[in-house]
Amino acid sequence: CGVSRAFYQILHGNIWEALRYNPILAVIIPIGIFYTLSSSHSKKIALSVVFF
């Protein structure tokens, strides 16, 4: 499955290889990690305005 292969490649730092398997997942996972780890409420609001 392309999703599991892309996730594996992202975990090992191979972003270009992950893009080859599943480009949408390779873009969504880093955005989700950044969104989850950001502690500032204003950053979350700014991201929600941009992406939703």
PDB file of N, CA and C in Angstrom:
ATOM      1  N   CYS A   1       0.837  -1.178   0.000  1.00  0.00           N
ATOM      2  CA  CYS A   1       0.000   0.000   0.000  1.00  0.00           C
ATOM      3  C   CYS A   1       0.887   1.250   0.000  1.00  0.00           C
ATOM      4  N   GLY A   2       0.539   2.229  -0.787  1.00  0.00           N
ATOM      5  CA  GLY A   2       1.335   3.438  -0.908  1.00  0.00           C
ATOM      6  C   GLY A   2       1.386   4.266   0.356  1.00  0.00           C
ATOM      7  N   VAL A   3       0.315   4.219   1.138  1.00  0.00           N
ATOM      8  CA  VAL A   3       0.274   5.016   2.368  1.00  0.00           C
ATOM      9  C   VAL A   3       1.312   4.515   3.363  1.00  0.00           C
ATOM     10  N   SER A   4       1.373   3.227   3.577  1.00  0.00           N
ATOM     11  CA  SER A   4       2.334   2.696   4.547  1.00  0.00           C
ATOM     12  C   SER A   4       3.767   2.880   4.064  1.00  0.00           C
ATOM     13  N   ARG A   5       4.007   2.736   2.781  1.00  0.00           N
ATOM     14  CA  ARG A   5       5.353   2.959   2.246  1.00  0.00           C
ATOM     15  C   ARG A   5       5.756   4.423   2.377  1.00  0.00           C
ATOM     16  N   ALA A   6       4.840   5.322   2.094  1.00  0.00           N
ATOM     17  CA  ALA A   6       5.130   6.752   2.220  1.00  0.00           C
ATOM     18  C   ALA A   6       5.389   7.114   3.677  1.00  0.00           C
ATOM     19  N   PHE A   7       4.586   6.583   4.594  1.00  0.00           N
ATOM     20  CA  PHE A   7       4.770   6.860   6.018  1.00  0.00           C
ATOM     21  C   PHE A   7       6.128   6.356   6.492  1.00  0.00           C
ATOM     22  N   TYR A   8       6.520   5.174   6.048  1.00  0.00           N
ATOM     23  CA  TYR A   8       7.826   4.613   6.388  1.00  0.00           C
ATOM     24  C   TYR A   8       8.949   5.521   5.889  1.00  0.00           C
ATOM     25  N   GLN A   9       8.828   5.995   4.666  1.00  0.00           N
ATOM     26  CA  GLN A   9       9.855   6.865   4.103  1.00  0.00           C
ATOM     27  C   GLN A   9       9.933   8.197   4.846  1.00  0.00           C
ATOM     28  N   ILE A  10       8.786   8.741   5.244  1.00  0.00           N
ATOM     29  CA  ILE A  10       8.778   9.995   6.006  1.00  0.00           C
ATOM     30  C   ILE A  10       9.463   9.793   7.353  1.00  0.00           C
ATOM     31  N   LEU A  11       9.181   8.680   8.016  1.00  0.00           N
ATOM     32  CA  LEU A  11       9.810   8.404   9.311  1.00  0.00           C
ATOM     33  C   LEU A  11      11.323   8.301   9.202  1.00  0.00           C
ATOM     34  N   HIS A  12      11.812   7.868   8.046  1.00  0.00           N
ATOM     35  CA  HIS A  12      13.252   7.733   7.846  1.00  0.00           C
ATOM     36  C   HIS A  12      13.870   8.945   7.163  1.00  0.00           C
ATOM     37  N   GLY A  13      13.075   9.992   6.971  1.00  0.00           N
ATOM     38  CA  GLY A  13      13.607  11.239   6.440  1.00  0.00           C
ATOM     39  C   GLY A  13      13.730  11.309   4.934  1.00  0.00           C
ATOM     40  N   ASN A  14      13.146  10.372   4.232  1.00  0.00           N
ATOM     41  CA  ASN A  14      13.217  10.354   2.769  1.00  0.00           C
ATOM     42  C   ASN A  14      11.957  10.983   2.184  1.00  0.00           C
ATOM     43  N   ILE A  15      11.912  12.306   2.223  1.00  0.00           N
ATOM     44  CA  ILE A  15      10.704  13.013   1.797  1.00  0.00           C
ATOM     45  C   ILE A  15      10.439  12.821   0.308  1.00  0.00           C
ATOM     46  N   TRP A  16      11.479  12.881  -0.515  1.00  0.00           N
ATOM     47  CA  TRP A  16      11.271  12.737  -1.968  1.00  0.00           C
ATOM     48  C   TRP A  16      10.727  11.352  -2.317  1.00  0.00           C
ATOM     49  N   GLU A  17      11.217  10.338  -1.627  1.00  0.00           N
ATOM     50  CA  GLU A  17      10.718   8.984  -1.863  1.00  0.00           C
ATOM     51  C   GLU A  17       9.267   8.861  -1.404  1.00  0.00           C
ATOM     52  N   ALA A  18       8.930   9.502  -0.294  1.00  0.00           N
ATOM     53  CA  ALA A  18       7.550   9.489   0.194  1.00  0.00           C
ATOM     54  C   ALA A  18       6.625  10.190  -0.788  1.00  0.00           C
ATOM     55  N   LEU A  19       7.087  11.281  -1.374  1.00  0.00           N
ATOM     56  CA  LEU A  19       6.280  11.978  -2.382  1.00  0.00           C
ATOM     57  C   LEU A  19       5.996  11.081  -3.581  1.00  0.00           C
ATOM     58  N   ARG A  20       6.939  10.226  -3.903  1.00  0.00           N
ATOM     59  CA  ARG A  20       6.746   9.306  -5.024  1.00  0.00           C
ATOM     60  C   ARG A  20       5.631   8.291  -4.742  1.00  0.00           C
ATOM     61  N   TYR A  21       5.554   7.834  -3.500  1.00  0.00           N
ATOM     62  CA  TYR A  21       4.536   6.847  -3.145  1.00  0.00           C
ATOM     63  C   TYR A  21       3.158   7.470  -2.945  1.00  0.00           C
ATOM     64  N   ASN A  22       3.096   8.562  -2.212  1.00  0.00           N
ATOM     65  CA  ASN A  22       1.806   9.179  -1.917  1.00  0.00           C
ATOM     66  C   ASN A  22       2.017  10.665  -1.633  1.00  0.00           C
ATOM     67  N   PRO A  23       1.862  11.506  -2.638  1.00  0.00           N
ATOM     68  CA  PRO A  23       2.161  12.930  -2.463  1.00  0.00           C
ATOM     69  C   PRO A  23       1.264  13.636  -1.450  1.00  0.00           C
ATOM     70  N   ILE A  24       0.019  13.264  -1.365  1.00  0.00           N
ATOM     71  CA  ILE A  24      -0.888  13.939  -0.433  1.00  0.00           C
ATOM     72  C   ILE A  24      -0.484  13.634   1.006  1.00  0.00           C
ATOM     73  N   LEU A  25      -0.217  12.388   1.303  1.00  0.00           N
ATOM     74  CA  LEU A  25       0.189  12.006   2.655  1.00  0.00           C
ATOM     75  C   LEU A  25       1.516  12.650   3.029  1.00  0.00           C
ATOM     76  N   ALA A  26       2.442  12.727   2.082  1.00  0.00           N
ATOM     77  CA  ALA A  26       3.752  13.310   2.357  1.00  0.00           C
ATOM     78  C   ALA A  26       3.651  14.790   2.699  1.00  0.00           C
ATOM     79  N   VAL A  27       2.602  15.446   2.273  1.00  0.00           N
ATOM     80  CA  VAL A  27       2.400  16.860   2.594  1.00  0.00           C
ATOM     81  C   VAL A  27       1.585  17.011   3.877  1.00  0.00           C
ATOM     82  N   ILE A  28       0.596  16.166   4.074  1.00  0.00           N
ATOM     83  CA  ILE A  28      -0.303  16.298   5.222  1.00  0.00           C
ATOM     84  C   ILE A  28       0.373  15.941   6.547  1.00  0.00           C
ATOM     85  N   ILE A  29       1.191  14.914   6.584  1.00  0.00           N
ATOM     86  CA  ILE A  29       1.800  14.481   7.845  1.00  0.00           C
ATOM     87  C   ILE A  29       2.692  15.562   8.464  1.00  0.00           C
ATOM     88  N   PRO A  30       3.626  16.174   7.725  1.00  0.00           N
ATOM     89  CA  PRO A  30       4.425  17.234   8.366  1.00  0.00           C
ATOM     90  C   PRO A  30       3.588  18.422   8.832  1.00  0.00           C
ATOM     91  N   ILE A  31       2.552  18.784   8.077  1.00  0.00           N
ATOM     92  CA  ILE A  31       1.665  19.878   8.497  1.00  0.00           C
ATOM     93  C   ILE A  31       0.946  19.489   9.784  1.00  0.00           C
ATOM     94  N   GLY A  32       0.471  18.260   9.855  1.00  0.00           N
ATOM     95  CA  GLY A  32      -0.209  17.791  11.058  1.00  0.00           C
ATOM     96  C   GLY A  32       0.702  17.752  12.268  1.00  0.00           C
ATOM     97  N   ILE A  33       1.945  17.334  12.068  1.00  0.00           N
ATOM     98  CA  ILE A  33       2.903  17.307  13.174  1.00  0.00           C
ATOM     99  C   ILE A  33       3.187  18.724  13.655  1.00  0.00           C
ATOM    100  N   PHE A  34       3.407  19.638  12.731  1.00  0.00           N
ATOM    101  CA  PHE A  34       3.659  21.028  13.108  1.00  0.00           C
ATOM    102  C   PHE A  34       2.462  21.606  13.847  1.00  0.00           C
ATOM    103  N   TYR A  35       1.287  21.348  13.345  1.00  0.00           N
ATOM    104  CA  TYR A  35       0.066  21.868  13.961  1.00  0.00           C
ATOM    105  C   TYR A  35      -0.118  21.315  15.372  1.00  0.00           C
ATOM    106  N   THR A  36       0.190  20.044  15.551  1.00  0.00           N
ATOM    107  CA  THR A  36       0.038  19.412  16.859  1.00  0.00           C
ATOM    108  C   THR A  36       1.080  19.907  17.858  1.00  0.00           C
ATOM    109  N   LEU A  37       2.307  20.085  17.412  1.00  0.00           N
ATOM    110  CA  LEU A  37       3.384  20.464  18.319  1.00  0.00           C
ATOM    111  C   LEU A  37       3.451  21.954  18.613  1.00  0.00           C
ATOM    112  N   SER A  38       2.824  22.752  17.793  1.00  0.00           N
ATOM    113  CA  SER A  38       2.881  24.195  18.050  1.00  0.00           C
ATOM    114  C   SER A  38       2.041  24.507  19.282  1.00  0.00           C
ATOM    115  N   SER A  39       2.621  25.248  20.187  1.00  0.00           N
ATOM    116  CA  SER A  39       1.937  25.513  21.448  1.00  0.00           C
ATOM    117  C   SER A  39       1.181  26.832  21.443  1.00  0.00           C
ATOM    118  N   SER A  40       1.484  27.694  20.500  1.00  0.00           N
ATOM    119  CA  SER A  40       0.847  29.002  20.464  1.00  0.00           C
ATOM    120  C   SER A  40      -0.537  28.903  19.838  1.00  0.00           C
ATOM    121  N   HIS A  41      -1.513  29.450  20.519  1.00  0.00           N
ATOM    122  CA  HIS A  41      -2.885  29.429  20.017  1.00  0.00           C
ATOM    123  C   HIS A  41      -3.023  30.254  18.743  1.00  0.00           C
ATOM    124  N   SER A  42      -2.270  31.332  18.637  1.00  0.00           N
ATOM    125  CA  SER A  42      -2.366  32.186  17.450  1.00  0.00           C
ATOM    126  C   SER A  42      -1.851  31.469  16.212  1.00  0.00           C
ATOM    127  N   LYS A  43      -0.833  30.605  16.366  1.00  0.00           N
ATOM    128  CA  LYS A  43      -0.340  29.835  15.229  1.00  0.00           C
ATOM    129  C   LYS A  43      -1.415  28.869  14.742  1.00  0.00           C
ATOM    130  N   LYS A  44      -2.125  28.248  15.667  1.00  0.00           N
ATOM    131  CA  LYS A  44      -3.175  27.313  15.280  1.00  0.00           C
ATOM    132  C   LYS A  44      -4.292  28.031  14.541  1.00  0.00           C
ATOM    133  N   ILE A  45      -4.633  29.207  14.988  1.00  0.00           N
ATOM    134  CA  ILE A  45      -5.672  29.975  14.304  1.00  0.00           C
ATOM    135  C   ILE A  45      -5.194  30.369  12.913  1.00  0.00           C
ATOM    136  N   ALA A  46      -3.937  30.791  12.790  1.00  0.00           N
ATOM    137  CA  ALA A  46      -3.399  31.187  11.491  1.00  0.00           C
ATOM    138  C   ALA A  46      -3.390  30.006  10.531  1.00  0.00           C
ATOM    139  N   LEU A  47      -2.992  28.827  11.007  1.00  0.00           N
ATOM    140  CA  LEU A  47      -2.988  27.649  10.149  1.00  0.00           C
ATOM    141  C   LEU A  47      -4.398  27.243   9.751  1.00  0.00           C
ATOM    142  N   SER A  48      -5.337  27.349  10.666  1.00  0.00           N
ATOM    143  CA  SER A  48      -6.703  26.960  10.329  1.00  0.00           C
ATOM    144  C   SER A  48      -7.299  27.898   9.292  1.00  0.00           C
ATOM    145  N   VAL A  49      -6.914  29.157   9.325  1.00  0.00           N
ATOM    146  CA  VAL A  49      -7.409  30.104   8.320  1.00  0.00           C
ATOM    147  C   VAL A  49      -6.813  29.781   6.958  1.00  0.00           C
ATOM    148  N   VAL A  50      -5.539  29.406   6.933  1.00  0.00           N
ATOM    149  CA  VAL A  50      -4.862  29.128   5.665  1.00  0.00           C
ATOM    150  C   VAL A  50      -5.354  27.829   5.043  1.00  0.00           C
ATOM    151  N   PHE A  51      -5.519  26.774   5.839  1.00  0.00           N
ATOM    152  CA  PHE A  51      -5.801  25.455   5.286  1.00  0.00           C
ATOM    153  C   PHE A  51      -7.269  25.053   5.311  1.00  0.00           C
ATOM    154  N   PHE A  52      -8.139  25.817   5.936  1.00  0.00           N
ATOM    155  CA  PHE A  52      -9.547  25.402   5.984  1.00  0.00           C
ATOM    156  C   PHE A  52     -10.441  26.475   5.489  1.00  0.00           C
TER     157      PHE A  52
END
